[in-house]
Amino acid sequence: MLATLLIIDAMNLIRRIYAIQEKQHGETARAIEETTRVSCNALNKLANLHNPTHVICVFDSHAKSWRHQLYPQYKQGRKPIPPLLKKALENIQDKFIEIGFESLLSETDEADDLIATLSEKITNKKQKCIIVSTDKGFYQLLGPQTLIYDYFQNSYTDSGRVLNKMALNIDKLCDYWAITGISSSAIKGVEGVGDKGALLLLHEYSSLQAMFDAPIDTKNKPLCKVKKFKEEALLSKKLVSLKKDICLGFNLSDLRYQNPR
């Protein structure tokens, strides 16, 4: 039987729902109550829509990760989770479990890497994976068995859509972000090249390594910048690349979805 694992990027979902409730109710207990209720409703809708055999909600621990050790400025300036919401997360997780959605949280690994590892494990078995998130960083995980679903836009993203949207194949995305950086995570990339420059370079040289290996061309200023800031580009690539080999300590069978209703 073909399995379908539904992976929820939990904080991505909850924080967006909370932002809406906070606008309506302020930083109050009512906002937390509504966030919990709406989030649980969202999970039930997702289960009804995708009919998964297995489900899991992956949470961030908010602790500093290996990326912070490599690059202390990582995610610097990002708005922290509201204290009231942070305090309520354990209760929200309990409510998720009550409706059949187990939670995964690690004190040492980021949610993004946990999601990447889960996706890798199930797709290696030729099973289906649906990642619920608005985070474009998961584009690198797309493939024949993996889709990304945006709950708020009610839209799917596959590798073909990324190719049409970004004019890049999935396997070149990390090289692209290594050059452009990712502002939301304070990853700088190579200064002065930009999106268009990175795209042109990848179309011409195919990969970041090929750019490093190419002979110097003083007329090609973007190439010269990439070669000059090689170490920065390599660091950025390491930061944007998701780990897929985390030891999870459980089996897929532990995530089987059983609707309690």
Protein backbone atom coordinates (compact mmCIF):
# COMPACT_ATOMS: atom_id res chain seq x y z
CA MET A 1 0.00 0.00 0.00
CA LEU A 2 1.29 3.44 -0.95
CA ALA A 3 1.85 5.61 2.14
CA THR A 4 1.37 9.36 2.25
CA LEU A 5 3.20 11.27 4.98
CA LEU A 6 1.75 14.70 5.72
CA ILE A 7 4.43 16.86 7.37
CA ILE A 8 3.23 20.08 8.99
CA ASP A 9 5.72 22.90 9.47
CA ALA A 10 3.97 23.66 12.75
CA MET A 11 5.41 27.06 13.66
CA ASN A 12 4.95 28.28 10.09
CA LEU A 13 1.25 27.44 10.38
CA ILE A 14 0.67 28.56 13.97
CA ARG A 15 2.48 31.90 13.76
CA ARG A 16 0.54 32.96 10.69
CA ILE A 17 -2.73 32.03 12.31
CA TYR A 18 -1.72 33.81 15.52
CA ALA A 19 -0.81 36.98 13.60
CA ILE A 20 -4.38 37.16 12.33
CA GLN A 21 -5.86 36.51 15.77
CA GLU A 22 -3.55 39.05 17.40
CA LYS A 23 -4.81 41.74 15.04
CA GLN A 24 -8.38 40.96 16.06
CA HIS A 25 -7.93 40.30 19.78
CA GLY A 26 -4.55 41.81 20.72
CA GLU A 27 -2.02 39.97 22.88
CA THR A 28 -4.69 38.25 24.96
CA ALA A 29 -5.79 34.83 26.13
CA ARG A 30 -8.60 35.06 23.57
CA ALA A 31 -6.03 35.31 20.76
CA ILE A 32 -4.36 32.13 22.06
CA GLU A 33 -7.67 30.30 22.36
CA GLU A 34 -8.63 31.22 18.80
CA THR A 35 -5.17 30.34 17.49
CA THR A 36 -5.47 26.90 19.08
CA ARG A 37 -8.98 26.36 17.72
CA VAL A 38 -8.19 27.59 14.19
CA SER A 39 -4.92 25.61 14.07
CA CYS A 40 -6.72 22.39 15.05
CA ASN A 41 -9.37 23.09 12.41
CA ALA A 42 -6.60 23.62 9.87
CA LEU A 43 -5.09 20.22 10.67
CA ASN A 44 -8.44 18.51 10.29
CA LYS A 45 -8.98 20.25 6.93
CA LEU A 46 -5.52 19.17 5.79
CA ALA A 47 -6.24 15.56 6.78
CA ASN A 48 -9.55 15.59 4.93
CA LEU A 49 -7.96 17.15 1.84
CA HIS A 50 -4.86 14.94 1.57
CA ASN A 51 -6.16 11.71 3.16
CA PRO A 52 -2.71 10.86 4.61
CA THR A 53 -1.77 7.49 6.04
CA HIS A 54 0.79 9.14 8.35
CA VAL A 55 1.03 12.62 9.89
CA ILE A 56 3.40 14.66 12.02
CA CYS A 57 3.72 18.28 13.19
CA VAL A 58 7.34 19.44 13.40
CA PHE A 59 8.11 22.23 15.87
CA ASP A 60 11.16 24.46 16.32
CA SER A 61 12.77 24.39 19.76
CA HIS A 62 13.92 28.05 19.40
CA ALA A 63 17.35 27.00 20.67
CA LYS A 64 20.51 27.95 18.79
CA SER A 65 21.38 25.37 16.13
CA TRP A 66 24.51 24.24 14.33
CA ARG A 67 23.89 27.08 11.88
CA HIS A 68 24.34 29.63 14.64
CA GLN A 69 27.65 27.99 15.52
CA LEU A 70 28.83 28.38 11.94
CA TYR A 71 27.36 31.84 11.50
CA PRO A 72 26.38 33.77 14.68
CA GLN A 73 24.32 36.26 12.64
CA TYR A 74 22.00 33.50 11.44
CA LYS A 75 18.35 34.68 11.63
CA GLN A 76 19.52 37.86 13.33
CA GLY A 77 16.80 40.49 13.31
CA ARG A 78 13.97 38.00 12.80
CA LYS A 79 10.94 38.82 14.92
CA PRO A 80 10.93 36.50 17.96
CA ILE A 81 7.92 34.40 18.82
CA PRO A 82 5.46 36.40 20.97
CA PRO A 83 5.93 35.41 24.66
CA LEU A 84 2.24 34.62 25.13
CA LEU A 85 2.26 32.26 22.14
CA LYS A 86 5.53 30.65 23.20
CA LYS A 87 4.04 29.89 26.60
CA ALA A 88 0.99 28.29 24.96
CA LEU A 89 2.87 25.97 22.57
CA GLU A 90 2.89 22.96 24.88
CA ASN A 91 -0.88 23.15 25.25
CA ILE A 92 -1.28 23.55 21.47
CA GLN A 93 0.85 20.43 20.94
CA ASP A 94 -1.38 18.54 23.38
CA LYS A 95 -4.47 19.61 21.41
CA PHE A 96 -2.82 18.43 18.20
CA ILE A 97 -2.17 15.01 19.74
CA GLU A 98 -5.82 14.80 20.82
CA ILE A 99 -6.91 15.08 17.17
CA GLY A 100 -4.38 12.50 15.96
CA PHE A 101 -1.35 14.62 15.04
CA GLU A 102 1.87 13.65 16.80
CA SER A 103 4.49 16.36 17.39
CA LEU A 104 8.24 16.28 16.82
CA LEU A 105 10.59 18.71 18.53
CA SER A 106 14.35 18.48 18.98
CA GLU A 107 16.50 20.62 21.27
CA THR A 108 19.48 20.25 18.94
CA ASP A 109 18.04 20.25 15.40
CA GLU A 110 16.05 22.82 13.46
CA ALA A 111 12.55 21.95 12.27
CA ASP A 112 13.68 22.46 8.66
CA ASP A 113 16.31 19.72 8.96
CA LEU A 114 13.90 17.38 10.73
CA ILE A 115 11.38 17.89 7.92
CA ALA A 116 14.09 17.28 5.32
CA THR A 117 15.12 14.04 7.04
CA LEU A 118 11.52 12.82 7.26
CA SER A 119 10.96 13.63 3.60
CA GLU A 120 14.18 11.87 2.57
CA LYS A 121 13.35 8.72 4.52
CA ILE A 122 9.86 8.28 3.08
CA THR A 123 10.72 9.20 -0.51
CA ASN A 124 13.67 6.78 -0.47
CA LYS A 125 11.01 4.12 0.07
CA LYS A 126 9.11 5.46 -2.98
CA GLN A 127 6.30 6.69 -0.74
CA LYS A 128 4.54 10.06 -1.01
CA CYS A 129 5.34 13.13 1.07
CA ILE A 130 3.39 16.40 1.35
CA ILE A 131 5.04 19.28 3.24
CA VAL A 132 2.66 21.96 4.51
CA SER A 133 4.57 25.24 4.64
CA THR A 134 5.03 28.63 3.00
CA ASP A 135 8.84 28.39 3.36
CA LYS A 136 10.58 28.40 -0.03
CA GLY A 137 13.62 26.72 1.52
CA PHE A 138 11.76 23.42 1.18
CA TYR A 139 11.79 23.74 -2.62
CA GLN A 140 15.10 21.86 -2.57
CA LEU A 141 13.21 18.77 -1.33
CA LEU A 142 10.75 18.61 -4.22
CA GLY A 143 10.74 15.54 -6.40
CA PRO A 144 8.52 12.85 -7.94
CA GLN A 145 7.19 11.80 -4.50
CA THR A 146 7.32 15.19 -2.75
CA LEU A 147 4.97 18.16 -2.98
CA ILE A 148 4.67 21.36 -0.96
CA TYR A 149 1.24 22.64 -0.02
CA ASP A 150 0.50 26.23 1.00
CA TYR A 151 -2.51 26.06 3.32
CA PHE A 152 -3.17 29.80 3.18
CA GLN A 153 -3.12 30.01 -0.62
CA ASN A 154 -4.61 26.56 -1.16
CA SER A 155 -1.89 25.84 -3.71
CA TYR A 156 0.62 23.12 -4.50
CA THR A 157 4.22 23.53 -5.58
CA ASP A 158 6.12 20.87 -7.48
CA SER A 159 9.50 20.93 -9.23
CA GLY A 160 7.88 21.99 -12.52
CA ARG A 161 6.31 25.04 -10.91
CA VAL A 162 9.64 26.06 -9.40
CA LEU A 163 11.30 25.70 -12.81
CA ASN A 164 8.65 27.94 -14.38
CA LYS A 165 8.80 30.45 -11.54
CA MET A 166 12.54 30.67 -10.97
CA ALA A 167 13.96 29.34 -14.26
CA LEU A 168 16.06 26.88 -12.27
CA ASN A 169 16.05 23.16 -11.70
CA ILE A 170 15.69 22.01 -8.10
CA ASP A 171 19.29 20.76 -7.92
CA LYS A 172 20.61 24.28 -8.56
CA LEU A 173 18.61 26.09 -5.88
CA CYS A 174 21.20 25.84 -3.09
CA ASP A 175 23.89 27.20 -5.42
CA TYR A 176 21.53 30.03 -6.34
CA TRP A 177 20.80 30.90 -2.70
CA ALA A 178 24.50 30.62 -1.89
CA ILE A 179 25.04 33.57 -4.23
CA THR A 180 21.89 35.60 -3.56
CA GLY A 181 21.65 34.89 0.15
CA ILE A 182 18.35 34.67 2.05
CA SER A 183 17.47 37.94 3.74
CA SER A 184 14.86 36.45 6.09
CA SER A 185 17.60 34.31 7.67
CA ALA A 186 20.26 37.07 7.49
CA ILE A 187 22.34 34.94 5.09
CA LYS A 188 24.20 37.43 2.91
CA GLY A 189 25.52 35.35 0.03
CA VAL A 190 27.82 37.17 -2.42
CA GLU A 191 27.40 40.91 -2.21
CA GLY A 192 26.67 42.78 -5.42
CA VAL A 193 25.56 39.87 -7.63
CA GLY A 194 21.81 39.72 -7.00
CA ASP A 195 19.06 37.46 -8.31
CA LYS A 196 19.53 38.18 -12.02
CA GLY A 197 23.28 37.88 -11.84
CA ALA A 198 23.09 34.56 -9.99
CA LEU A 199 20.62 33.20 -12.51
CA LEU A 200 22.79 34.20 -15.48
CA LEU A 201 25.86 32.66 -13.86
CA LEU A 202 24.10 29.35 -13.21
CA HIS A 203 22.75 29.22 -16.74
CA GLU A 204 26.27 29.76 -18.05
CA TYR A 205 28.34 27.69 -15.60
CA SER A 206 25.76 25.20 -14.28
CA SER A 207 27.09 25.10 -10.71
CA LEU A 208 28.87 27.08 -8.02
CA GLN A 209 31.87 24.78 -8.20
CA ALA A 210 32.12 25.32 -11.95
CA MET A 211 32.29 29.07 -11.30
CA PHE A 212 35.17 28.57 -8.88
CA ASP A 213 36.96 26.37 -11.44
CA ALA A 214 36.39 28.71 -14.39
CA PRO A 215 39.29 30.87 -15.62
CA ILE A 216 39.27 34.49 -14.53
CA ASP A 217 37.29 36.74 -16.87
CA THR A 218 37.71 40.36 -15.85
CA LYS A 219 34.79 41.35 -18.11
CA ASN A 220 32.43 39.11 -16.15
CA LYS A 221 32.09 41.10 -12.93
CA PRO A 222 29.52 38.80 -11.26
CA LEU A 223 31.84 35.81 -11.83
CA CYS A 224 34.77 37.75 -10.41
CA LYS A 225 32.76 38.55 -7.29
CA VAL A 226 31.78 34.92 -6.78
CA LYS A 227 35.40 33.83 -7.15
CA LYS A 228 36.59 36.61 -4.83
CA PHE A 229 34.05 35.75 -2.13
CA LYS A 230 34.34 31.98 -2.48
CA GLU A 231 34.44 31.30 1.26
CA GLU A 232 31.32 33.42 1.86
CA ALA A 233 29.48 31.59 -0.91
CA LEU A 234 30.47 28.17 0.43
CA LEU A 235 29.35 29.14 3.94
CA SER A 236 26.02 30.39 2.58
CA LYS A 237 25.52 27.14 0.67
CA LYS A 238 26.12 25.12 3.81
CA LEU A 239 23.63 27.26 5.73
CA VAL A 240 20.85 27.01 3.13
CA SER A 241 21.30 23.28 2.50
CA LEU A 242 18.97 21.13 4.59
CA LYS A 243 20.33 18.15 6.52
CA LYS A 244 18.70 14.85 5.61
CA ASP A 245 20.51 12.42 7.90
CA ILE A 246 19.28 13.20 11.42
CA CYS A 247 18.71 10.20 13.68
CA LEU A 248 15.01 10.45 14.49
CA GLY A 249 14.61 7.57 16.92
CA PHE A 250 11.24 6.33 15.63
CA ASN A 251 9.73 4.48 12.67
CA LEU A 252 7.19 5.58 10.09
CA SER A 253 4.68 3.20 11.68
CA ASP A 254 4.71 5.41 14.79
CA LEU A 255 3.24 8.26 12.73
CA ARG A 256 0.21 6.40 11.40
CA TYR A 257 -2.79 8.70 11.31
CA GLN A 258 -5.88 7.57 13.16
CA ASN A 259 -8.70 10.08 13.12
CA PRO A 260 -10.05 10.04 16.69
CA ARG A 261 -13.51 11.16 15.59
